[in-house]
Amino acid sequence: MDQLFPVVFVAAFIAFILLKQIKHFTDNLDNAGDTSFSKYSNFSVSIQNYIRMIKSDIDSTKEKDTVKYTLKENIDEKKSLEILADFLRKLVFFETLLAKQKSSSEIESELFKVLSSLDGFLRENCEEGDERADELREILFEEFQNN
């Protein structure tokens, strides 16, 4: 009996230290996740800004000085604007708390799908689409690296 108290005391002390270390470790993981989430959120905002610029260029109802993105002649402007609006709606998801619940690989996969669709849209629907898509891809790649 005399040895039971020291053994229980040492075991409780070790358990306390382990719990503190686990809490410290998981707090660090949570903070790293926040950084990753903000990186994707900021990148999503950058993509949205470029899509808004493309929409503005394509929209014939808006007055503008210079136009970088123009639709090919046989492409429906209204349908194209709706497709771009869909891209924007998908990207807003990456700024919400729901996106925070996904892993980095899931977020990157979904972002890749949106960017691939945007790339395809530019190539198929815009004049000089291949050049515009390549240019936008390079710009967004640099922005992602800098975030």
Protein backbone atom coordinates (compact mmCIF):
# COMPACT_ATOMS: atom_id res chain seq x y z
CA MET A 1 0.00 0.00 0.00
CA ASP A 2 2.81 2.38 0.79
CA GLN A 3 4.08 2.18 -2.79
CA LEU A 4 0.64 2.66 -4.38
CA PHE A 5 0.41 6.38 -3.66
CA PRO A 6 3.76 7.31 -5.31
CA VAL A 7 2.94 5.17 -8.36
CA VAL A 8 -0.50 6.80 -8.78
CA PHE A 9 1.01 10.24 -8.24
CA VAL A 10 3.71 9.67 -10.88
CA ALA A 11 1.17 8.20 -13.34
CA ALA A 12 -1.16 11.20 -12.85
CA PHE A 13 1.75 13.60 -13.31
CA ILE A 14 2.83 11.88 -16.56
CA ALA A 15 -0.76 11.89 -17.82
CA PHE A 16 -1.00 15.62 -17.05
CA ILE A 17 2.21 16.35 -18.97
CA LEU A 18 1.05 14.25 -21.93
CA LEU A 19 -2.30 16.05 -22.06
CA LYS A 20 -0.55 19.43 -22.03
CA GLN A 21 1.79 18.36 -24.85
CA ILE A 22 -1.10 17.00 -26.94
CA LYS A 23 -3.05 20.23 -26.44
CA HIS A 24 0.00 22.29 -27.42
CA PHE A 25 0.55 20.15 -30.53
CA THR A 26 -3.09 20.31 -31.66
CA ASP A 27 -3.18 24.09 -31.12
CA ASN A 28 -0.20 24.40 -33.45
CA LEU A 29 -1.97 22.25 -36.04
CA ASP A 30 -5.07 24.44 -35.81
CA ASN A 31 -3.00 27.57 -36.36
CA ALA A 32 -1.29 26.01 -39.38
CA GLY A 33 -4.71 25.12 -40.78
CA ASP A 34 -5.85 28.74 -40.43
CA THR A 35 -2.84 29.89 -42.43
CA SER A 36 -3.60 27.36 -45.13
CA PHE A 37 -7.26 28.36 -45.17
CA SER A 38 -6.42 32.05 -45.49
CA LYS A 39 -4.04 31.24 -48.34
CA TYR A 40 -6.82 29.54 -50.30
CA SER A 41 -9.30 32.23 -49.37
CA ASN A 42 -6.98 35.00 -50.59
CA PHE A 43 -6.25 33.09 -53.77
CA SER A 44 -9.97 32.64 -54.36
CA VAL A 45 -10.45 36.40 -54.05
CA SER A 46 -7.70 36.96 -56.63
CA ILE A 47 -9.37 34.58 -59.07
CA GLN A 48 -12.71 36.29 -58.49
CA ASN A 49 -11.19 39.67 -59.31
CA TYR A 50 -9.89 38.37 -62.64
CA ILE A 51 -13.23 36.78 -63.46
CA ARG A 52 -14.97 40.08 -62.70
CA MET A 53 -12.55 41.81 -65.05
CA ILE A 54 -13.31 39.26 -67.78
CA LYS A 55 -17.05 39.70 -67.19
CA SER A 56 -16.68 43.45 -67.44
CA ASP A 57 -14.79 43.16 -70.72
CA ILE A 58 -17.32 40.75 -72.19
CA ASP A 59 -20.42 42.66 -71.05
CA SER A 60 -21.43 44.92 -73.93
CA THR A 61 -23.72 46.98 -71.68
CA LYS A 62 -20.77 48.37 -69.74
CA GLU A 63 -18.71 51.20 -71.12
CA LYS A 64 -14.95 50.68 -71.04
CA ASP A 65 -11.81 52.25 -72.47
CA THR A 66 -9.80 49.12 -73.20
CA VAL A 67 -10.96 45.55 -73.61
CA LYS A 68 -8.63 42.63 -73.15
CA TYR A 69 -11.18 39.81 -73.36
CA THR A 70 -13.63 39.71 -76.27
CA LEU A 71 -16.01 36.96 -77.21
CA LYS A 72 -15.85 35.25 -80.57
CA GLU A 73 -18.62 36.34 -82.91
CA ASN A 74 -20.83 33.27 -82.66
CA ILE A 75 -20.74 33.03 -78.84
CA ASP A 76 -23.82 33.99 -76.80
CA GLU A 77 -22.89 36.86 -74.49
CA LYS A 78 -25.65 36.22 -71.95
CA LYS A 79 -24.76 32.55 -71.60
CA SER A 80 -21.06 33.43 -71.24
CA LEU A 81 -21.80 35.96 -68.51
CA GLU A 82 -23.87 33.34 -66.67
CA ILE A 83 -21.01 30.82 -66.88
CA LEU A 84 -18.63 33.39 -65.39
CA ALA A 85 -21.16 34.16 -62.65
CA ASP A 86 -21.26 30.42 -61.86
CA PHE A 87 -17.48 30.44 -61.47
CA LEU A 88 -17.80 33.34 -59.03
CA ARG A 89 -20.45 31.50 -57.00
CA LYS A 90 -18.21 28.44 -56.76
CA LEU A 91 -15.25 30.53 -55.66
CA VAL A 92 -17.16 32.28 -52.88
CA PHE A 93 -17.30 28.89 -51.16
CA PHE A 94 -13.56 29.08 -50.47
CA GLU A 95 -14.08 32.16 -48.31
CA THR A 96 -16.64 30.49 -46.04
CA LEU A 97 -16.16 28.49 -42.89
CA LEU A 98 -17.41 25.39 -44.71
CA ALA A 99 -14.21 25.38 -46.74
CA LYS A 100 -12.23 25.36 -43.53
CA GLN A 101 -13.59 21.90 -42.79
CA LYS A 102 -12.00 20.48 -45.96
CA SER A 103 -8.45 19.28 -46.27
CA SER A 104 -5.88 21.16 -48.34
CA SER A 105 -5.94 18.49 -51.02
CA GLU A 106 -9.74 18.70 -51.31
CA ILE A 107 -9.63 22.49 -51.60
CA GLU A 108 -6.83 22.35 -54.16
CA SER A 109 -8.76 19.78 -56.17
CA GLU A 110 -11.88 21.94 -56.24
CA LEU A 111 -9.88 25.06 -57.10
CA PHE A 112 -8.21 23.13 -59.91
CA LYS A 113 -11.61 22.15 -61.32
CA VAL A 114 -12.74 25.79 -61.35
CA LEU A 115 -9.49 26.99 -62.89
CA SER A 116 -9.58 24.25 -65.52
CA SER A 117 -13.13 25.21 -66.44
CA LEU A 118 -12.14 28.87 -66.63
CA ASP A 119 -9.17 27.96 -68.82
CA GLY A 120 -11.43 25.96 -71.13
CA PHE A 121 -13.97 28.78 -71.24
CA LEU A 122 -11.35 31.31 -72.32
CA ARG A 123 -9.89 28.99 -74.96
CA GLU A 124 -13.28 28.16 -76.48
CA ASN A 125 -15.14 31.45 -76.20
CA CYS A 126 -12.66 34.32 -76.41
CA GLU A 127 -10.70 35.67 -79.30
CA GLU A 128 -7.03 34.84 -78.82
CA GLY A 129 -8.33 32.48 -76.13
CA ASP A 130 -5.23 30.31 -75.97
CA GLU A 131 -3.00 33.32 -75.34
CA ARG A 132 -5.39 34.83 -72.79
CA ALA A 133 -5.76 31.53 -70.93
CA ASP A 134 -1.99 30.98 -70.80
CA GLU A 135 -1.42 34.54 -69.62
CA LEU A 136 -4.05 34.27 -66.88
CA ARG A 137 -2.68 30.90 -65.76
CA GLU A 138 0.81 32.37 -65.35
CA ILE A 139 -0.50 35.38 -63.43
CA LEU A 140 -2.57 33.22 -61.08
CA PHE A 141 0.31 30.80 -60.57
CA GLU A 142 2.54 33.67 -59.45
CA GLU A 143 -0.16 34.99 -57.14
CA PHE A 144 -0.64 31.54 -55.58
CA GLN A 145 3.12 31.21 -55.02
CA ASN A 146 3.28 34.65 -53.39
CA ASN A 147 0.37 34.01 -51.00
